[in-house]
Amino acid sequence: MSEGTIKRLTDKGFGFISNSSGTDLFFHMSSVEGARFEDLREGQAVSYNEGRGPKGPRAENVRLR
């Protein structure tokens, strides 16, 4: 699993995670595990698996650290 920080959240159920290499990864609320989307805050540390979506890299299996 990789680690990063939540960079931005939207009210439409998705957000972006910034990782140590400076890449921003898209994630959708359906990929959050062990927490509700409403529990997430910008700046929180998370762990995730990197996957591929139709528009580029995305975070999957997102968990709060």
C-alpha atoms as a PDB file:
ATOM      1  CA  MET A   1       0.000   0.000   0.000  1.00  0.00           C
ATOM      2  CA  SER A   2       1.094   3.531  -0.740  1.00  0.00           C
ATOM      3  CA  GLU A   3       0.659   6.533   1.535  1.00  0.00           C
ATOM      4  CA  GLY A   4      -0.460  10.074   0.845  1.00  0.00           C
ATOM      5  CA  THR A   5      -2.526  13.012   2.045  1.00  0.00           C
ATOM      6  CA  ILE A   6      -6.011  14.069   1.052  1.00  0.00           C
ATOM      7  CA  LYS A   7      -5.493  17.186  -1.016  1.00  0.00           C
ATOM      8  CA  ARG A   8      -9.048  18.089  -1.996  1.00  0.00           C
ATOM      9  CA  LEU A   9     -12.590  16.830  -1.407  1.00  0.00           C
ATOM     10  CA  THR A  10     -15.756  17.747  -3.258  1.00  0.00           C
ATOM     11  CA  ASP A  11     -19.386  17.605  -2.248  1.00  0.00           C
ATOM     12  CA  LYS A  12     -20.027  15.223  -5.157  1.00  0.00           C
ATOM     13  CA  GLY A  13     -18.329  12.257  -3.490  1.00  0.00           C
ATOM     14  CA  PHE A  14     -14.812  12.334  -4.885  1.00  0.00           C
ATOM     15  CA  GLY A  15     -11.455  13.850  -4.109  1.00  0.00           C
ATOM     16  CA  PHE A  16      -7.735  13.818  -4.780  1.00  0.00           C
ATOM     17  CA  ILE A  17      -4.819  12.361  -2.845  1.00  0.00           C
ATOM     18  CA  SER A  18      -1.321  13.822  -3.107  1.00  0.00           C
ATOM     19  CA  ASN A  19       1.550  11.347  -2.745  1.00  0.00           C
ATOM     20  CA  SER A  20       5.244  11.845  -1.950  1.00  0.00           C
ATOM     21  CA  SER A  21       6.224  12.002  -5.626  1.00  0.00           C
ATOM     22  CA  GLY A  22       3.859  14.943  -6.163  1.00  0.00           C
ATOM     23  CA  THR A  23       1.324  13.004  -8.224  1.00  0.00           C
ATOM     24  CA  ASP A  24      -2.354  13.646  -7.531  1.00  0.00           C
ATOM     25  CA  LEU A  25      -4.599  10.590  -7.628  1.00  0.00           C
ATOM     26  CA  PHE A  26      -8.363  10.712  -8.079  1.00  0.00           C
ATOM     27  CA  PHE A  27     -10.554   8.692  -5.716  1.00  0.00           C
ATOM     28  CA  HIS A  28     -14.296   8.115  -5.424  1.00  0.00           C
ATOM     29  CA  MET A  29     -16.240   7.577  -2.217  1.00  0.00           C
ATOM     30  CA  SER A  30     -16.901   3.974  -3.258  1.00  0.00           C
ATOM     31  CA  SER A  31     -13.167   3.258  -2.837  1.00  0.00           C
ATOM     32  CA  VAL A  32     -13.047   4.361   0.835  1.00  0.00           C
ATOM     33  CA  GLU A  33     -12.828   1.457   3.304  1.00  0.00           C
ATOM     34  CA  GLY A  34     -13.438   1.480   7.050  1.00  0.00           C
ATOM     35  CA  ALA A  35     -14.791   5.054   7.111  1.00  0.00           C
ATOM     36  CA  ARG A  36     -17.564   7.097   5.610  1.00  0.00           C
ATOM     37  CA  PHE A  37     -16.755   9.729   3.004  1.00  0.00           C
ATOM     38  CA  GLU A  38     -18.146  12.325   5.433  1.00  0.00           C
ATOM     39  CA  ASP A  39     -15.400  11.385   7.946  1.00  0.00           C
ATOM     40  CA  LEU A  40     -12.616  12.414   5.556  1.00  0.00           C
ATOM     41  CA  ARG A  41     -10.924  15.804   5.858  1.00  0.00           C
ATOM     42  CA  GLU A  42      -8.394  17.616   3.702  1.00  0.00           C
ATOM     43  CA  GLY A  43      -4.889  17.097   5.078  1.00  0.00           C
ATOM     44  CA  GLN A  44      -5.609  13.637   6.533  1.00  0.00           C
ATOM     45  CA  ALA A  45      -3.066  10.895   5.990  1.00  0.00           C
ATOM     46  CA  VAL A  46      -4.345   7.874   4.078  1.00  0.00           C
ATOM     47  CA  SER A  47      -3.064   4.629   2.639  1.00  0.00           C
ATOM     48  CA  TYR A  48      -4.255   3.291  -0.707  1.00  0.00           C
ATOM     49  CA  ASN A  49      -3.544   1.028  -3.652  1.00  0.00           C
ATOM     50  CA  GLU A  50      -2.819   2.693  -6.964  1.00  0.00           C
ATOM     51  CA  GLY A  51      -4.952   1.607  -9.889  1.00  0.00           C
ATOM     52  CA  ARG A  52      -5.833   2.805 -13.374  1.00  0.00           C
ATOM     53  CA  GLY A  53      -9.061   4.514 -14.247  1.00  0.00           C
ATOM     54  CA  PRO A  54     -10.403   5.589 -17.632  1.00  0.00           C
ATOM     55  CA  LYS A  55      -8.806   9.031 -17.199  1.00  0.00           C
ATOM     56  CA  GLY A  56      -5.513   8.038 -15.559  1.00  0.00           C
ATOM     57  CA  PRO A  57      -4.205   6.907 -12.174  1.00  0.00           C
ATOM     58  CA  ARG A  58      -6.648   6.554  -9.299  1.00  0.00           C
ATOM     59  CA  ALA A  59      -6.546   5.510  -5.662  1.00  0.00           C
ATOM     60  CA  GLU A  60      -8.368   2.348  -4.614  1.00  0.00           C
ATOM     61  CA  ASN A  61      -8.931   0.758  -1.193  1.00  0.00           C
ATOM     62  CA  VAL A  62      -8.444   4.124   0.551  1.00  0.00           C
ATOM     63  CA  ARG A  63      -8.054   3.871   4.349  1.00  0.00           C
ATOM     64  CA  LEU A  64      -7.427   6.465   7.035  1.00  0.00           C
ATOM     65  CA  ARG A  65      -4.109   6.136   8.816  1.00  0.00           C
END
